[in-house]
Amino acid sequence: MPDTPTPATLHKNPSVTAATPSSSESSRQATERGRTALAVGVVEKIAGMAAREVSGIHALGSGLSRTFGAMRDRVPGTKSSIGRGIKAEVGEKQTAIDIALVVEYGVVIPELARQVRENIIDAVERMTGLEVVEVNIAVNDVHLPDEPDVEEEEEERVSSGQRPKLK
């Protein structure tokens, strides 16, 4: 049995198939055997996990999305959203990703953005085979060492029966 191509080899050479007769014939074989569609949420979760691997990020998402996310996470039966703060557009061969970050105080933001961008591109391209055409990063806030987390504040309010403060 011939070697199965990995997503990385498919990304580098999209005409690679098990038999590799010719580029026009191999692309026709791929369409005759079916196609793979990726949901937007899949790319958003992969990007979210990849972004969280970079040190210096305090949270993903804007303040409002984190507040609603913290409230939603308290509802029984719901799961925390790995893709919070991430918006992806997914096509058949390409994807574009927007991400909102809260960074830790003292982090060099341009260097952090470069690391996040590289990590997201590497993870998404490796796992999905899609070409990442852009990763737009919006730094929405800087978390100071003495500031409480939005999630911690929400948990305290919910456990004490207080309504959340709206800004």
Protein backbone atom coordinates (compact mmCIF):
# COMPACT_ATOMS: atom_id res chain seq x y z
CA MET A 1 0.00 0.00 0.00
CA PRO A 2 1.48 3.38 -0.94
CA ASP A 3 2.32 5.99 1.71
CA THR A 4 -0.59 8.16 2.74
CA PRO A 5 0.16 11.84 2.18
CA THR A 6 0.12 14.12 5.22
CA PRO A 7 -1.64 17.50 5.23
CA ALA A 8 1.78 19.17 5.02
CA THR A 9 2.69 17.31 1.82
CA LEU A 10 -0.75 18.00 0.39
CA HIS A 11 -0.33 21.69 1.20
CA LYS A 12 3.11 21.88 -0.42
CA ASN A 13 2.07 19.84 -3.46
CA PRO A 14 -1.72 19.69 -3.90
CA SER A 15 -1.41 17.29 -6.83
CA VAL A 16 0.08 14.53 -4.63
CA THR A 17 -2.08 11.40 -4.56
CA ALA A 18 -1.36 7.74 -3.88
CA ALA A 19 -0.65 6.90 -7.51
CA THR A 20 0.45 10.35 -8.83
CA PRO A 21 -0.15 9.61 -12.52
CA SER A 22 -0.25 13.22 -13.79
CA SER A 23 -1.27 16.52 -12.26
CA SER A 24 -4.50 16.83 -14.30
CA GLU A 25 -5.48 13.21 -13.70
CA SER A 26 -4.65 13.34 -10.00
CA SER A 27 -6.77 16.46 -9.40
CA ARG A 28 -9.65 14.78 -11.23
CA GLN A 29 -9.29 11.71 -9.01
CA ALA A 30 -9.46 13.83 -5.91
CA THR A 31 -12.78 15.38 -7.00
CA GLU A 32 -14.24 12.01 -8.03
CA ARG A 33 -13.51 10.56 -4.59
CA GLY A 34 -15.15 13.38 -2.68
CA ARG A 35 -14.24 16.59 -0.96
CA THR A 36 -13.61 17.66 2.60
CA ALA A 37 -15.43 20.65 4.04
CA LEU A 38 -14.22 22.25 7.25
CA ALA A 39 -16.60 24.15 9.51
CA VAL A 40 -15.58 27.63 10.56
CA GLY A 41 -15.62 26.50 14.20
CA VAL A 42 -12.92 23.92 13.50
CA VAL A 43 -10.50 26.56 12.22
CA GLU A 44 -11.43 28.91 15.08
CA LYS A 45 -10.74 26.24 17.71
CA ILE A 46 -7.40 25.30 16.16
CA ALA A 47 -6.42 28.98 16.01
CA GLY A 48 -7.54 29.50 19.62
CA MET A 49 -5.48 26.60 20.91
CA ALA A 50 -2.46 27.74 18.90
CA ALA A 51 -2.75 31.31 20.22
CA ARG A 52 -3.03 30.14 23.83
CA GLU A 53 0.28 28.26 23.47
CA VAL A 54 2.13 31.59 23.23
CA SER A 55 3.12 33.03 26.60
CA GLY A 56 2.18 36.63 27.25
CA ILE A 57 -1.48 36.33 26.31
CA HIS A 58 -3.85 36.90 29.20
CA ALA A 59 -7.12 36.21 27.37
CA LEU A 60 -8.74 36.03 23.96
CA GLY A 61 -11.63 38.29 22.97
CA SER A 62 -12.83 41.76 23.83
CA GLY A 63 -14.03 42.70 27.30
CA LEU A 64 -17.68 42.30 26.34
CA SER A 65 -17.22 38.88 24.72
CA ARG A 66 -15.23 37.68 27.75
CA THR A 67 -17.98 38.89 30.11
CA PHE A 68 -20.72 37.11 28.17
CA GLY A 69 -18.48 34.08 27.78
CA ALA A 70 -17.92 33.89 31.53
CA MET A 71 -21.68 34.06 32.11
CA ARG A 72 -22.33 31.42 29.43
CA ASP A 73 -19.68 29.13 30.92
CA ARG A 74 -21.62 29.14 34.21
CA VAL A 75 -24.71 27.64 32.54
CA PRO A 76 -24.85 23.89 33.22
CA GLY A 77 -24.25 21.77 30.16
CA THR A 78 -22.32 24.37 28.19
CA LYS A 79 -18.66 24.15 27.32
CA SER A 80 -16.17 26.98 27.41
CA SER A 81 -15.49 28.36 23.98
CA ILE A 82 -11.93 27.73 22.82
CA GLY A 83 -12.61 29.91 19.80
CA ARG A 84 -13.78 32.95 21.80
CA GLY A 85 -12.30 36.12 20.32
CA ILE A 86 -11.54 34.47 16.98
CA LYS A 87 -13.34 34.96 13.69
CA ALA A 88 -12.41 32.87 10.67
CA GLU A 89 -13.49 32.91 7.06
CA VAL A 90 -13.03 29.51 5.44
CA GLY A 91 -13.00 28.78 1.73
CA GLU A 92 -12.22 25.57 -0.13
CA LYS A 93 -8.44 26.11 -0.13
CA GLN A 94 -7.79 29.22 1.95
CA THR A 95 -8.73 30.79 5.25
CA ALA A 96 -8.37 34.20 6.89
CA ILE A 97 -8.41 34.65 10.66
CA ASP A 98 -9.09 37.65 12.93
CA ILE A 99 -8.17 37.39 16.61
CA ALA A 100 -8.69 39.75 19.55
CA LEU A 101 -6.20 39.56 22.42
CA VAL A 102 -5.64 40.84 25.93
CA VAL A 103 -1.91 40.81 26.63
CA GLU A 104 0.00 40.72 29.91
CA TYR A 105 1.68 43.95 30.99
CA GLY A 106 5.35 44.09 30.04
CA VAL A 107 5.09 41.94 26.92
CA VAL A 108 6.59 43.33 23.71
CA ILE A 109 3.42 43.46 21.64
CA PRO A 110 4.93 43.35 18.11
CA GLU A 111 7.00 40.28 19.05
CA LEU A 112 3.99 38.62 20.70
CA ALA A 113 1.86 39.31 17.61
CA ARG A 114 4.55 37.77 15.38
CA GLN A 115 4.70 34.63 17.55
CA VAL A 116 0.90 34.30 17.70
CA ARG A 117 0.60 34.79 13.93
CA GLU A 118 3.31 32.17 13.19
CA ASN A 119 1.83 29.67 15.65
CA ILE A 120 -1.69 30.04 14.25
CA ILE A 121 -0.53 29.76 10.64
CA ASP A 122 1.56 26.68 11.40
CA ALA A 123 -1.19 24.89 13.34
CA VAL A 124 -4.04 25.67 10.94
CA GLU A 125 -2.07 24.82 7.79
CA ARG A 126 -0.67 21.62 9.33
CA MET A 127 -3.99 20.35 10.68
CA THR A 128 -6.36 21.43 7.91
CA GLY A 129 -4.26 21.70 4.76
CA LEU A 130 -5.78 25.14 4.14
CA GLU A 131 -3.57 28.06 3.17
CA VAL A 132 -3.79 30.82 5.77
CA VAL A 133 -3.75 34.02 3.75
CA GLU A 134 -3.82 36.40 6.73
CA VAL A 135 -4.03 36.54 10.50
CA ASN A 136 -5.22 39.93 11.73
CA ILE A 137 -4.50 40.59 15.40
CA ALA A 138 -6.28 43.23 17.49
CA VAL A 139 -4.83 43.91 20.93
CA ASN A 140 -7.83 45.19 22.89
CA ASP A 141 -6.38 45.52 26.37
CA VAL A 142 -3.36 45.10 28.61
CA HIS A 143 -3.86 43.09 31.78
CA LEU A 144 -2.09 44.70 34.74
CA PRO A 145 -0.71 42.48 37.51
CA ASP A 146 -3.06 43.89 40.16
CA GLU A 147 -6.25 43.70 38.02
CA PRO A 148 -8.73 40.88 38.65
CA ASP A 149 -9.83 38.74 35.72
CA VAL A 150 -13.20 39.46 34.12
CA GLU A 151 -14.07 35.77 34.55
CA GLU A 152 -13.22 35.89 38.29
CA GLU A 153 -15.39 38.99 38.79
CA GLU A 154 -18.31 37.32 37.01
CA GLU A 155 -17.97 34.13 39.06
CA GLU A 156 -18.05 36.17 42.28
CA ARG A 157 -21.18 38.06 41.15
CA VAL A 158 -22.99 34.92 40.02
CA SER A 159 -22.15 33.01 43.20
CA SER A 160 -23.29 35.96 45.37
CA GLY A 161 -26.50 36.44 43.37
CA GLN A 162 -25.60 39.90 42.07
CA ARG A 163 -26.47 41.00 38.58
CA PRO A 164 -23.54 41.70 36.25
CA LYS A 165 -22.57 45.33 35.76
CA LEU A 166 -23.08 46.63 32.24
CA LYS A 167 -20.76 49.28 30.90
